[in-house]
Amino acid sequence: MSTLSKVNELDARRSAIKMGGGEAEIKKLHSNGKLTARERIEKFLDESSFVEIGTFVTHRSTAFNMAEKNAPADGVVTGYGTVEGRLVYVYSQDSTVLGGSVGEMHAQKIISLYDQAMKMGAPIVAFLDSAGLRLQESVDGLNGYGNLFLKQSLASGVIPQISVILGDCVGGAGFVPGLSDFTFMVSKNARLFMNSPNTFEGAESKNATFDTIGNANVHSEKSGMVHFQYDKEEECIENVRKLIAYLPANNLEDAPIYEVSDDLNRVDSVLNSIVPDDLNESFDIKTVIRSLADDREFFEVQAKYAKNLVAGFIRLNGSSVGIVANQSQENEGLLDSKAAQKGSEFVQFCDAFNIPIVSITDVAGFKASVEEEQRGILKQSSKLVYAFANATVPKVNVIVRKAFGSAYIAMNSKHIGADIVFAWPTAQISVMNPEGAVNIMYADELKSSEDPSSLRAEKMEEFSAMQASPYTVAGRGYIDDIIEPAATRKRVIAALEMLYSKREQRPTKKHGTV
């Protein structure tokens, strides 16, 4: 055979592999509003930047009916390319080939990709669309799963891992997003669950459907496994690109710095009047976040989960910053177990990847209910305290209003290691809110008073001035400065610039156990 013939054979084989399960299967995908595995990669990476690895890999199983099964690329497309010129590794499961099921070689391709990504220090993105474990390959398939989970565990905190669920991700395959840093999911044609509804027993089986346990709404709002939810694949993939722009390539690098067009000294006068006079009246903390951010852009994480705590990324002076803030418009701004979990996981990610943290405190305490106690609010809140205390990245806290009790301590206070703490003149820092404190301290006087309402108001004003005042707390050194709300952006930027070279020595240990 001549060289030309061999080259033609190569082209023919490659073309056949790129067709996956065939034209009919591709048309079926498109009719359901889904993209193919390769189309997803093309939309994700910079144009013409994708380099495929393992194109000709296929299964070697002969058990059951596998000898007759053709499996181009063994049901997963793997390789690397760029996003805004930065190296990214990617794999995309092909549901047109054996349902995208995971067998020995399918898993081995992904494992090899992890090895390269770890060597090069580059993020890895997974487009998940699989029927699950390939039953014909039995224990070899399980071995593949286990080795993949091992690689993910070793990569955790070293390179960013992002999962994008665009089809089925069920059973053990659900560990992949569970071990990832961030998970995206589309509202249609995607399912994520451990056990199928038909395996449930008793009363639970009556309410168990794929919608009640596995759709994107469930995992965005209730389980918290999904960080970002979008209706269409194209929108979902575009926002994966947006997230990567906020992240460093690995734990030894900083996030990319972008040119700043926004004024670093911008003063936002709306913040001077955003806090209501009534302590119990709510306001939107996202207005404050956007006011801080370059070009007022805020990329929120887990927007539908634990809405009483807002988390996400902004840029300050062109650099990525993680934001954690209390939202008084939800759950009265009280912390609960879900909010504490959300906050601790986000802070741990930022700390692992050298992203400074800015917290915005407006917290009245912890939610008091039997359900919260049984859910483990103490444990989850302890994890939030640990995450802030353990983080060695620059940490800035801005107290805008309420800062009461141990919830205030948990929100990146000076007491657990914040580097710089600012307070607005509207801040109140105390063991509890003024009304509650007065009701306890002056219980007898209030009972015997001819005008308890006036006495309560008088004592509350006295308590606020003497104990809850930010000036009193600043006098003890727990607040570094009391600032004009409108000037918050320039003060936070200046603080982070000062903290850029921060180095902090910690006790020698393998790792914490909280």
Protein backbone atom coordinates (compact mmCIF):
# COMPACT_ATOMS: atom_id res chain seq x y z
CA MET A 1 0.00 0.00 0.00
CA SER A 2 1.36 3.39 -1.00
CA THR A 3 1.86 6.29 1.39
CA LEU A 4 -1.01 8.16 -0.26
CA SER A 5 -3.30 5.19 0.29
CA LYS A 6 -2.29 5.03 3.93
CA VAL A 7 -2.97 8.73 4.37
CA ASN A 8 -6.37 8.31 2.73
CA GLU A 9 -7.09 5.40 5.05
CA LEU A 10 -6.16 7.57 8.03
CA ASP A 11 -8.51 10.32 6.88
CA ALA A 12 -11.32 7.82 6.32
CA ARG A 13 -10.87 6.25 9.76
CA ARG A 14 -10.73 9.63 11.47
CA SER A 15 -13.84 10.82 9.63
CA ALA A 16 -15.74 7.69 10.64
CA ILE A 17 -14.74 8.13 14.29
CA LYS A 18 -15.88 11.77 14.25
CA MET A 19 -19.34 10.60 13.21
CA GLY A 20 -19.67 8.76 16.52
CA GLY A 21 -22.72 6.54 16.53
CA GLY A 22 -23.72 7.61 13.04
CA GLU A 23 -25.81 10.20 11.26
CA ALA A 24 -29.14 8.84 12.50
CA GLU A 25 -28.06 9.08 16.14
CA ILE A 26 -26.75 12.61 15.61
CA LYS A 27 -30.05 13.70 14.04
CA LYS A 28 -31.86 12.23 17.04
CA LEU A 29 -29.73 14.31 19.39
CA HIS A 30 -30.34 17.48 17.42
CA SER A 31 -34.09 16.87 17.32
CA ASN A 32 -34.05 16.77 21.14
CA GLY A 33 -32.23 20.10 21.29
CA LYS A 34 -28.88 18.56 22.22
CA LEU A 35 -25.42 19.04 20.78
CA THR A 36 -23.01 16.22 19.94
CA ALA A 37 -19.96 15.57 22.09
CA ARG A 38 -17.69 17.24 19.54
CA GLU A 39 -19.99 20.21 18.97
CA ARG A 40 -19.87 20.91 22.71
CA ILE A 41 -16.10 21.01 22.65
CA GLU A 42 -16.08 23.24 19.58
CA LYS A 43 -18.40 25.76 21.23
CA PHE A 44 -16.40 25.70 24.44
CA LEU A 45 -12.83 26.10 23.20
CA ASP A 46 -11.32 28.90 21.16
CA GLU A 47 -11.84 28.41 17.43
CA SER A 48 -9.59 25.74 15.87
CA SER A 49 -7.69 25.23 19.14
CA PHE A 50 -8.85 21.68 19.98
CA VAL A 51 -6.30 18.90 19.78
CA GLU A 52 -7.76 15.44 20.27
CA ILE A 53 -5.97 12.74 22.26
CA GLY A 54 -6.83 9.06 22.09
CA THR A 55 -8.91 9.29 18.92
CA PHE A 56 -8.39 5.65 17.99
CA VAL A 57 -8.86 4.12 21.43
CA THR A 58 -11.70 1.62 21.65
CA HIS A 59 -12.82 -1.14 23.99
CA ARG A 60 -11.15 -4.55 24.06
CA SER A 61 -13.98 -6.44 25.71
CA THR A 62 -15.36 -9.58 24.06
CA ALA A 63 -17.81 -10.54 26.80
CA PHE A 64 -21.52 -10.83 26.06
CA ASN A 65 -22.22 -8.95 22.80
CA MET A 66 -19.29 -6.53 22.91
CA ALA A 67 -17.25 -8.28 20.20
CA GLU A 68 -19.78 -7.09 17.63
CA LYS A 69 -20.11 -3.57 19.05
CA ASN A 70 -18.36 -0.71 17.28
CA ALA A 71 -17.38 2.02 19.73
CA PRO A 72 -15.66 4.99 18.04
CA ALA A 73 -13.32 6.70 20.55
CA ASP A 74 -14.95 4.37 23.09
CA GLY A 75 -17.72 6.88 23.69
CA VAL A 76 -15.66 9.80 24.98
CA VAL A 77 -13.80 12.57 23.16
CA THR A 78 -10.68 13.75 25.02
CA GLY A 79 -8.09 16.44 24.36
CA TYR A 80 -6.98 19.98 25.03
CA GLY A 81 -7.32 23.48 23.65
CA THR A 82 -7.55 27.05 24.82
CA VAL A 83 -10.10 29.37 26.40
CA GLU A 84 -9.16 33.00 25.77
CA GLY A 85 -5.70 31.70 24.93
CA ARG A 86 -5.27 29.75 28.19
CA LEU A 87 -4.67 25.98 28.18
CA VAL A 88 -7.65 23.81 29.23
CA TYR A 89 -8.15 20.04 29.11
CA VAL A 90 -11.57 18.72 28.20
CA TYR A 91 -13.47 15.47 27.79
CA SER A 92 -16.94 15.03 26.36
CA GLN A 93 -18.98 11.84 26.63
CA ASP A 94 -20.65 10.74 23.39
CA SER A 95 -24.14 9.40 24.06
CA THR A 96 -24.42 8.20 20.44
CA VAL A 97 -21.79 5.52 21.17
CA LEU A 98 -23.06 2.83 23.54
CA GLY A 99 -25.01 5.54 25.34
CA GLY A 100 -21.76 7.16 26.42
CA SER A 101 -21.39 4.34 28.95
CA VAL A 102 -18.19 4.08 30.97
CA GLY A 103 -16.02 1.03 30.37
CA GLU A 104 -12.37 0.23 30.96
CA MET A 105 -10.86 2.20 28.03
CA HIS A 106 -13.42 5.02 28.28
CA ALA A 107 -12.25 5.61 31.85
CA GLN A 108 -8.60 5.15 30.94
CA LYS A 109 -8.80 7.95 28.38
CA ILE A 110 -10.12 10.34 31.04
CA ILE A 111 -7.52 9.17 33.56
CA SER A 112 -4.72 9.81 31.07
CA LEU A 113 -6.16 13.27 30.47
CA TYR A 114 -6.01 13.95 34.21
CA ASP A 115 -2.36 12.88 34.28
CA GLN A 116 -1.53 15.42 31.57
CA ALA A 117 -3.61 18.19 33.14
CA MET A 118 -1.87 17.68 36.47
CA LYS A 119 1.58 17.75 34.85
CA MET A 120 0.79 20.92 32.95
CA GLY A 121 -1.18 22.59 35.75
CA ALA A 122 -4.29 23.30 33.69
CA PRO A 123 -8.04 23.12 34.45
CA ILE A 124 -10.09 20.14 33.32
CA VAL A 125 -13.69 20.40 32.11
CA ALA A 126 -16.03 17.42 31.78
CA PHE A 127 -19.10 17.36 29.53
CA LEU A 128 -21.15 14.57 31.07
CA ASP A 129 -23.79 12.64 29.08
CA SER A 130 -23.67 8.95 29.89
CA ALA A 131 -25.91 5.95 30.51
CA GLY A 132 -23.60 5.04 33.39
CA LEU A 133 -21.41 2.02 33.91
CA ARG A 134 -21.02 -0.32 30.92
CA LEU A 135 -22.52 -3.51 32.30
CA GLN A 136 -20.77 -5.79 29.81
CA GLU A 137 -17.38 -4.78 31.23
CA SER A 138 -18.40 -5.38 34.84
CA VAL A 139 -15.48 -5.15 37.28
CA ASP A 140 -13.20 -3.58 34.66
CA GLY A 141 -15.69 -0.73 34.43
CA LEU A 142 -15.78 -0.39 38.21
CA ASN A 143 -12.00 -0.31 38.25
CA GLY A 144 -12.17 2.54 35.74
CA TYR A 145 -14.60 4.45 37.95
CA GLY A 146 -12.42 3.95 41.01
CA ASN A 147 -9.24 5.08 39.27
CA LEU A 148 -11.03 8.16 37.94
CA PHE A 149 -12.28 9.08 41.41
CA LEU A 150 -8.73 8.66 42.72
CA LYS A 151 -7.39 11.05 40.08
CA GLN A 152 -10.11 13.58 40.88
CA SER A 153 -9.27 13.39 44.58
CA LEU A 154 -5.56 13.91 43.91
CA ALA A 155 -6.33 16.83 41.61
CA SER A 156 -8.61 18.52 44.16
CA GLY A 157 -7.07 21.81 45.21
CA VAL A 158 -4.36 21.50 42.54
CA ILE A 159 -6.26 22.27 39.33
CA PRO A 160 -9.82 23.56 38.90
CA GLN A 161 -12.29 20.79 38.00
CA ILE A 162 -15.58 21.69 36.33
CA SER A 163 -18.42 19.31 35.45
CA VAL A 164 -21.11 20.17 32.92
CA ILE A 165 -24.16 17.87 33.01
CA LEU A 166 -25.86 17.87 29.60
CA GLY A 167 -27.51 14.46 29.71
CA ASP A 168 -27.75 11.58 32.15
CA CYS A 169 -25.29 11.41 35.05
CA VAL A 170 -26.56 8.65 37.27
CA GLY A 171 -25.40 6.22 39.92
CA GLY A 172 -21.66 6.17 40.52
CA ALA A 173 -21.15 8.64 37.65
CA GLY A 174 -22.63 11.26 39.97
CA PHE A 175 -19.41 11.15 41.98
CA VAL A 176 -17.71 12.99 39.11
CA PRO A 177 -19.63 16.25 39.69
CA GLY A 178 -19.57 15.55 43.42
CA LEU A 179 -15.76 15.57 43.35
CA SER A 180 -15.59 18.62 41.08
CA ASP A 181 -15.21 22.22 42.20
CA PHE A 182 -18.15 23.55 40.19
CA THR A 183 -21.07 21.88 38.42
CA PHE A 184 -23.17 23.27 35.57
CA MET A 185 -26.43 21.66 34.47
CA VAL A 186 -29.06 22.34 31.81
CA SER A 187 -32.74 22.45 32.70
CA LYS A 188 -33.81 20.00 29.99
CA ASN A 189 -32.52 16.61 28.87
CA ALA A 190 -30.29 16.27 31.96
CA ARG A 191 -30.65 14.09 35.05
CA LEU A 192 -28.47 13.60 38.12
CA PHE A 193 -29.25 11.02 40.78
CA MET A 194 -27.81 8.09 42.72
CA ASN A 195 -30.76 5.68 42.87
CA SER A 196 -33.50 5.30 40.27
CA PRO A 197 -37.04 6.02 41.56
CA ASN A 198 -38.09 2.42 40.90
CA THR A 199 -35.65 1.26 43.61
CA PHE A 200 -37.34 3.27 46.36
CA GLU A 201 -39.47 1.46 48.90
CA GLY A 202 -42.42 2.32 51.10
CA ALA A 203 -44.04 5.73 51.27
CA GLU A 204 -41.10 7.42 49.53
CA SER A 205 -41.77 5.50 46.33
CA LYS A 206 -45.10 7.29 45.83
CA ASN A 207 -43.45 10.68 45.39
CA ALA A 208 -40.28 9.46 43.70
CA THR A 209 -39.97 10.45 40.06
CA PHE A 210 -37.00 11.51 37.97
CA ASP A 211 -38.23 15.11 38.32
CA THR A 212 -38.44 14.98 42.12
CA ILE A 213 -34.95 13.53 42.58
CA GLY A 214 -32.86 14.27 39.52
CA ASN A 215 -33.63 17.43 37.56
CA ALA A 216 -31.62 20.63 37.58
CA ASN A 217 -34.06 22.50 39.82
CA VAL A 218 -33.72 19.88 42.56
CA HIS A 219 -29.94 20.10 42.61
CA SER A 220 -29.80 23.89 42.18
CA GLU A 221 -32.31 24.66 44.93
CA LYS A 222 -32.31 21.72 47.35
CA SER A 223 -29.21 19.53 47.28
CA GLY A 224 -26.82 22.33 46.31
CA MET A 225 -24.83 20.02 44.01
CA VAL A 226 -25.41 22.23 40.97
CA HIS A 227 -23.77 25.65 41.10
CA PHE A 228 -25.05 27.01 37.77
CA GLN A 229 -28.24 26.19 35.87
CA TYR A 230 -29.13 27.26 32.34
CA ASP A 231 -31.91 26.45 29.89
CA LYS A 232 -29.82 25.89 26.76
CA GLU A 233 -26.53 24.10 26.18
CA GLU A 234 -25.01 27.03 24.29
CA GLU A 235 -25.69 29.43 27.18
CA CYS A 236 -24.39 26.90 29.67
CA ILE A 237 -21.14 26.35 27.77
CA GLU A 238 -20.58 30.09 27.31
CA ASN A 239 -20.82 30.59 31.07
CA VAL A 240 -18.28 27.82 31.69
CA ARG A 241 -15.87 29.96 29.65
CA LYS A 242 -16.84 32.96 31.78
CA LEU A 243 -16.13 31.09 35.02
CA ILE A 244 -12.71 29.93 33.83
CA ALA A 245 -11.76 33.56 33.18
CA TYR A 246 -12.04 34.18 36.95
CA LEU A 247 -9.89 31.20 37.93
CA PRO A 248 -6.15 30.51 37.96
CA ALA A 249 -4.85 27.56 35.95
CA ASN A 250 -3.64 25.83 39.12
CA ASN A 251 -2.89 26.30 42.82
CA LEU A 252 0.59 27.73 42.18
CA GLU A 253 -0.61 30.59 40.00
CA ASP A 254 -2.82 33.64 40.43
CA ALA A 255 -5.97 34.25 38.45
CA PRO A 256 -5.46 36.27 35.27
CA ILE A 257 -5.46 40.06 35.64
CA TYR A 258 -7.56 42.04 33.17
CA GLU A 259 -7.20 45.61 32.04
CA VAL A 260 -9.40 47.92 34.09
CA SER A 261 -11.56 50.58 32.46
CA ASP A 262 -13.57 51.33 35.62
CA ASP A 263 -12.38 54.08 37.98
CA LEU A 264 -10.50 52.53 40.92
CA ASN A 265 -11.55 55.48 43.10
CA ARG A 266 -15.18 55.41 42.01
CA VAL A 267 -17.48 56.73 44.75
CA ASP A 268 -21.03 55.36 44.75
CA SER A 269 -23.27 57.76 46.67
CA VAL A 270 -26.22 55.35 46.57
CA LEU A 271 -24.49 53.28 49.25
CA ASN A 272 -24.73 56.17 51.71
CA SER A 273 -28.48 55.68 51.90
CA ILE A 274 -28.92 51.98 51.09
CA VAL A 275 -29.17 50.81 54.72
CA PRO A 276 -32.72 51.39 56.05
CA ASP A 277 -33.22 53.27 59.31
CA ASP A 278 -35.35 50.38 60.54
CA LEU A 279 -33.00 47.61 61.68
CA ASN A 280 -35.55 44.98 60.69
CA GLU A 281 -36.05 46.27 57.14
CA SER A 282 -34.19 44.41 54.39
CA PHE A 283 -32.16 45.63 51.43
CA ASP A 284 -30.47 43.90 48.49
CA ILE A 285 -26.83 43.15 49.33
CA LYS A 286 -26.15 42.47 45.63
CA THR A 287 -26.41 46.22 45.05
CA VAL A 288 -23.43 46.62 47.38
CA ILE A 289 -21.51 43.82 45.67
CA ARG A 290 -22.02 45.27 42.20
CA SER A 291 -21.04 48.70 43.47
CA LEU A 292 -17.69 47.28 44.57
CA ALA A 293 -17.00 45.34 41.38
CA ASP A 294 -15.13 46.48 38.29
CA ASP A 295 -17.77 47.50 35.73
CA ARG A 296 -20.38 46.34 38.32
CA GLU A 297 -20.07 42.74 37.09
CA PHE A 298 -20.86 39.94 39.54
CA PHE A 299 -20.67 36.23 38.64
CA GLU A 300 -22.84 34.56 41.27
CA VAL A 301 -22.32 30.96 42.39
CA GLN A 302 -25.24 28.77 43.60
CA ALA A 303 -27.69 31.61 43.05
CA LYS A 304 -30.71 29.38 43.78
CA TYR A 305 -29.31 27.62 46.85
CA ALA A 306 -29.28 29.10 50.37
CA LYS A 307 -30.21 32.55 49.09
CA ASN A 308 -29.62 34.09 52.52
CA LEU A 309 -25.89 33.87 51.76
CA VAL A 310 -24.60 35.29 48.48
CA ALA A 311 -21.34 33.98 47.02
CA GLY A 312 -19.52 34.52 43.76
CA PHE A 313 -16.73 36.26 41.89
CA ILE A 314 -16.04 39.88 41.04
CA ARG A 315 -12.93 41.71 39.85
CA LEU A 316 -11.27 44.50 41.76
CA ASN A 317 -8.57 46.40 39.92
CA GLY A 318 -8.70 43.64 37.28
CA SER A 319 -8.04 40.78 39.73
CA SER A 320 -10.43 38.01 40.78
CA VAL A 321 -11.94 38.26 44.25
CA GLY A 322 -14.32 35.87 46.01
CA ILE A 323 -17.37 37.49 47.63
CA VAL A 324 -19.36 36.08 50.58
CA ALA A 325 -22.23 38.23 51.83
CA ASN A 326 -25.37 38.00 53.98
CA GLN A 327 -28.66 38.69 52.19
CA SER A 328 -31.28 40.23 54.50
CA GLN A 329 -33.98 39.80 51.85
CA GLU A 330 -33.91 36.03 52.40
CA ASN A 331 -34.56 34.24 55.70
CA GLU A 332 -34.22 37.60 57.51
CA GLY A 333 -30.50 37.42 56.79
CA LEU A 334 -30.05 34.68 59.38
CA LEU A 335 -27.44 32.01 58.82
CA ASP A 336 -28.66 28.42 58.54
CA SER A 337 -26.96 25.10 57.87
CA LYS A 338 -27.26 25.34 54.08
CA ALA A 339 -25.85 28.87 54.00
CA ALA A 340 -22.96 27.82 56.24
CA GLN A 341 -22.20 24.85 53.98
CA LYS A 342 -22.36 27.03 50.87
CA GLY A 343 -20.06 29.61 52.42
CA SER A 344 -17.49 27.17 53.76
CA GLU A 345 -17.13 25.31 50.45
CA PHE A 346 -16.73 28.54 48.51
CA VAL A 347 -14.15 29.96 50.94
CA GLN A 348 -12.16 26.72 50.82
CA PHE A 349 -12.06 26.86 47.02
CA CYS A 350 -10.88 30.49 47.01
CA ASP A 351 -8.19 29.72 49.57
CA ALA A 352 -6.96 26.68 47.61
CA PHE A 353 -6.57 28.73 44.44
CA ASN A 354 -5.11 31.99 45.78
CA ILE A 355 -8.24 34.09 45.31
CA PRO A 356 -8.63 36.87 47.94
CA ILE A 357 -11.86 36.88 49.93
CA VAL A 358 -14.09 39.86 50.73
CA SER A 359 -16.99 39.29 53.08
CA ILE A 360 -19.90 41.69 53.57
CA THR A 361 -21.52 41.23 56.97
CA ASP A 362 -25.17 41.90 57.80
CA VAL A 363 -26.16 39.01 60.03
CA ALA A 364 -28.58 38.97 62.95
CA GLY A 365 -27.71 35.46 64.12
CA PHE A 366 -28.49 31.83 63.38
CA LYS A 367 -31.89 30.51 62.37
CA ALA A 368 -33.64 28.97 65.37
CA SER A 369 -35.72 25.88 64.59
CA VAL A 370 -35.94 22.19 65.44
CA GLU A 371 -35.25 21.37 61.79
CA GLU A 372 -32.02 23.38 61.77
CA GLU A 373 -30.77 21.78 64.97
CA GLN A 374 -31.48 18.32 63.59
CA ARG A 375 -29.89 19.19 60.26
CA GLY A 376 -26.64 20.01 62.04
CA ILE A 377 -26.44 23.80 62.05
CA LEU A 378 -23.73 23.65 64.71
CA LYS A 379 -21.51 21.41 62.59
CA GLN A 380 -22.02 23.32 59.36
CA SER A 381 -21.46 26.67 61.09
CA SER A 382 -18.29 25.29 62.65
CA LYS A 383 -17.11 24.45 59.14
CA LEU A 384 -17.75 28.04 58.07
CA VAL A 385 -15.70 29.32 61.00
CA TYR A 386 -12.95 26.83 60.15
CA ALA A 387 -12.94 27.78 56.46
CA PHE A 388 -12.41 31.47 57.21
CA ALA A 389 -9.95 30.83 60.04
CA ASN A 390 -7.97 28.32 58.01
CA ALA A 391 -7.76 30.46 54.86
CA THR A 392 -4.38 32.15 54.31
CA VAL A 393 -5.33 34.30 51.32
CA PRO A 394 -5.97 38.04 51.89
CA LYS A 395 -9.22 38.43 53.81
CA VAL A 396 -11.20 41.68 54.08
CA ASN A 397 -14.49 42.09 55.94
CA VAL A 398 -16.96 44.97 55.55
CA ILE A 399 -19.62 45.24 58.27
CA VAL A 400 -22.52 47.18 56.79
CA ARG A 401 -25.20 46.75 59.43
CA LYS A 402 -26.00 43.84 61.78
CA ALA A 403 -23.15 41.86 63.28
CA PHE A 404 -24.64 39.98 66.20
CA GLY A 405 -23.36 37.12 68.33
CA SER A 406 -21.44 34.10 67.13
CA ALA A 407 -22.86 34.55 63.61
CA TYR A 408 -20.84 37.77 63.41
CA ILE A 409 -17.73 35.88 64.50
CA ALA A 410 -18.33 33.25 61.79
CA MET A 411 -18.56 35.88 59.03
CA ASN A 412 -14.82 36.51 58.66
CA SER A 413 -14.44 38.66 61.78
CA LYS A 414 -11.14 39.99 63.08
CA HIS A 415 -11.43 37.40 65.88
CA ILE A 416 -10.95 34.47 63.46
CA GLY A 417 -8.27 36.01 61.31
CA ALA A 418 -9.59 38.68 58.96
CA ASP A 419 -6.69 40.87 57.88
CA ILE A 420 -8.65 44.09 57.51
CA VAL A 421 -12.12 44.86 58.90
CA PHE A 422 -14.04 47.95 57.81
CA ALA A 423 -17.37 49.06 59.21
CA TRP A 424 -19.93 51.50 57.92
CA PRO A 425 -21.30 54.08 60.39
CA THR A 426 -24.57 52.11 60.20
CA ALA A 427 -22.93 48.99 61.67
CA GLN A 428 -24.03 47.52 64.98
CA ILE A 429 -21.74 44.93 66.54
CA SER A 430 -22.89 43.18 69.66
CA VAL A 431 -23.58 39.89 71.37
CA MET A 432 -27.22 40.28 70.23
CA ASN A 433 -29.59 42.85 68.79
CA PRO A 434 -30.34 45.88 71.01
CA GLU A 435 -34.00 45.00 71.58
CA GLY A 436 -33.21 41.46 72.70
CA ALA A 437 -30.39 42.62 74.94
CA VAL A 438 -32.56 45.27 76.61
CA ASN A 439 -35.42 42.81 77.14
CA ILE A 440 -33.03 40.52 79.03
CA MET A 441 -30.98 43.08 80.97
CA TYR A 442 -33.94 45.22 81.99
CA ALA A 443 -36.63 42.59 82.33
CA ASP A 444 -37.63 43.59 85.87
CA GLU A 445 -37.59 47.32 85.15
CA LEU A 446 -39.74 46.85 82.05
CA LYS A 447 -42.31 44.82 83.98
CA SER A 448 -42.69 47.47 86.67
CA SER A 449 -42.49 50.52 84.40
CA GLU A 450 -45.55 52.66 83.78
CA ASP A 451 -44.35 53.25 80.21
CA PRO A 452 -42.37 50.14 79.14
CA SER A 453 -42.27 51.19 75.49
CA SER A 454 -40.51 54.47 76.22
CA LEU A 455 -38.15 52.81 78.67
CA ARG A 456 -37.30 50.10 76.14
CA ALA A 457 -36.61 52.69 73.43
CA GLU A 458 -34.43 54.70 75.82
CA LYS A 459 -32.40 51.68 76.90
CA MET A 460 -32.06 50.42 73.32
CA GLU A 461 -30.62 53.76 72.24
CA GLU A 462 -28.27 53.69 75.22
CA PHE A 463 -27.18 50.12 74.43
CA SER A 464 -26.59 50.96 70.76
CA ALA A 465 -24.47 53.97 71.65
CA MET A 466 -22.41 52.32 74.38
CA GLN A 467 -21.98 48.71 73.25
CA ALA A 468 -23.17 48.12 69.69
CA SER A 469 -21.64 51.28 68.23
CA PRO A 470 -18.91 50.68 65.62
CA TYR A 471 -16.85 53.38 67.37
CA THR A 472 -16.88 51.41 70.62
CA VAL A 473 -15.78 48.25 68.80
CA ALA A 474 -13.14 50.15 66.81
CA GLY A 475 -11.82 51.48 70.11
CA ARG A 476 -11.00 47.92 71.11
CA GLY A 477 -9.15 47.29 67.84
CA TYR A 478 -11.70 44.82 66.43
CA ILE A 479 -12.41 47.17 63.52
CA ASP A 480 -9.56 48.75 61.54
CA ASP A 481 -11.51 51.72 60.23
CA ILE A 482 -15.01 53.13 59.97
CA ILE A 483 -15.54 54.26 56.39
CA GLU A 484 -18.03 56.18 54.32
CA PRO A 485 -20.21 53.60 52.50
CA ALA A 486 -19.78 55.41 49.16
CA ALA A 487 -15.99 54.98 49.40
CA THR A 488 -16.08 51.22 50.02
CA ARG A 489 -14.77 50.23 46.59
CA LYS A 490 -11.58 52.28 46.75
CA ARG A 491 -10.92 51.32 50.37
CA VAL A 492 -11.27 47.58 49.69
CA ILE A 493 -9.06 47.83 46.58
CA ALA A 494 -6.40 49.65 48.58
CA ALA A 495 -6.56 47.03 51.32
CA LEU A 496 -6.14 44.16 48.86
CA GLU A 497 -3.23 45.90 47.19
CA MET A 498 -1.54 46.20 50.59
CA LEU A 499 -2.23 42.50 51.28
CA TYR A 500 -0.91 41.31 47.91
CA SER A 501 2.37 40.03 49.38
CA LYS A 502 0.77 38.47 52.45
CA ARG A 503 2.64 35.50 53.92
CA GLU A 504 1.29 33.62 56.89
CA GLN A 505 2.97 30.81 58.82
CA ARG A 506 0.73 28.06 60.15
CA PRO A 507 1.43 25.05 62.42
CA THR A 508 3.00 22.12 60.61
CA LYS A 509 0.37 19.44 59.94
CA LYS A 510 -0.82 17.13 57.21
CA HIS A 511 -4.27 18.74 57.02
CA GLY A 512 -7.11 19.84 59.25
CA THR A 513 -9.95 17.51 60.17
CA VAL A 514 -12.99 19.83 60.33
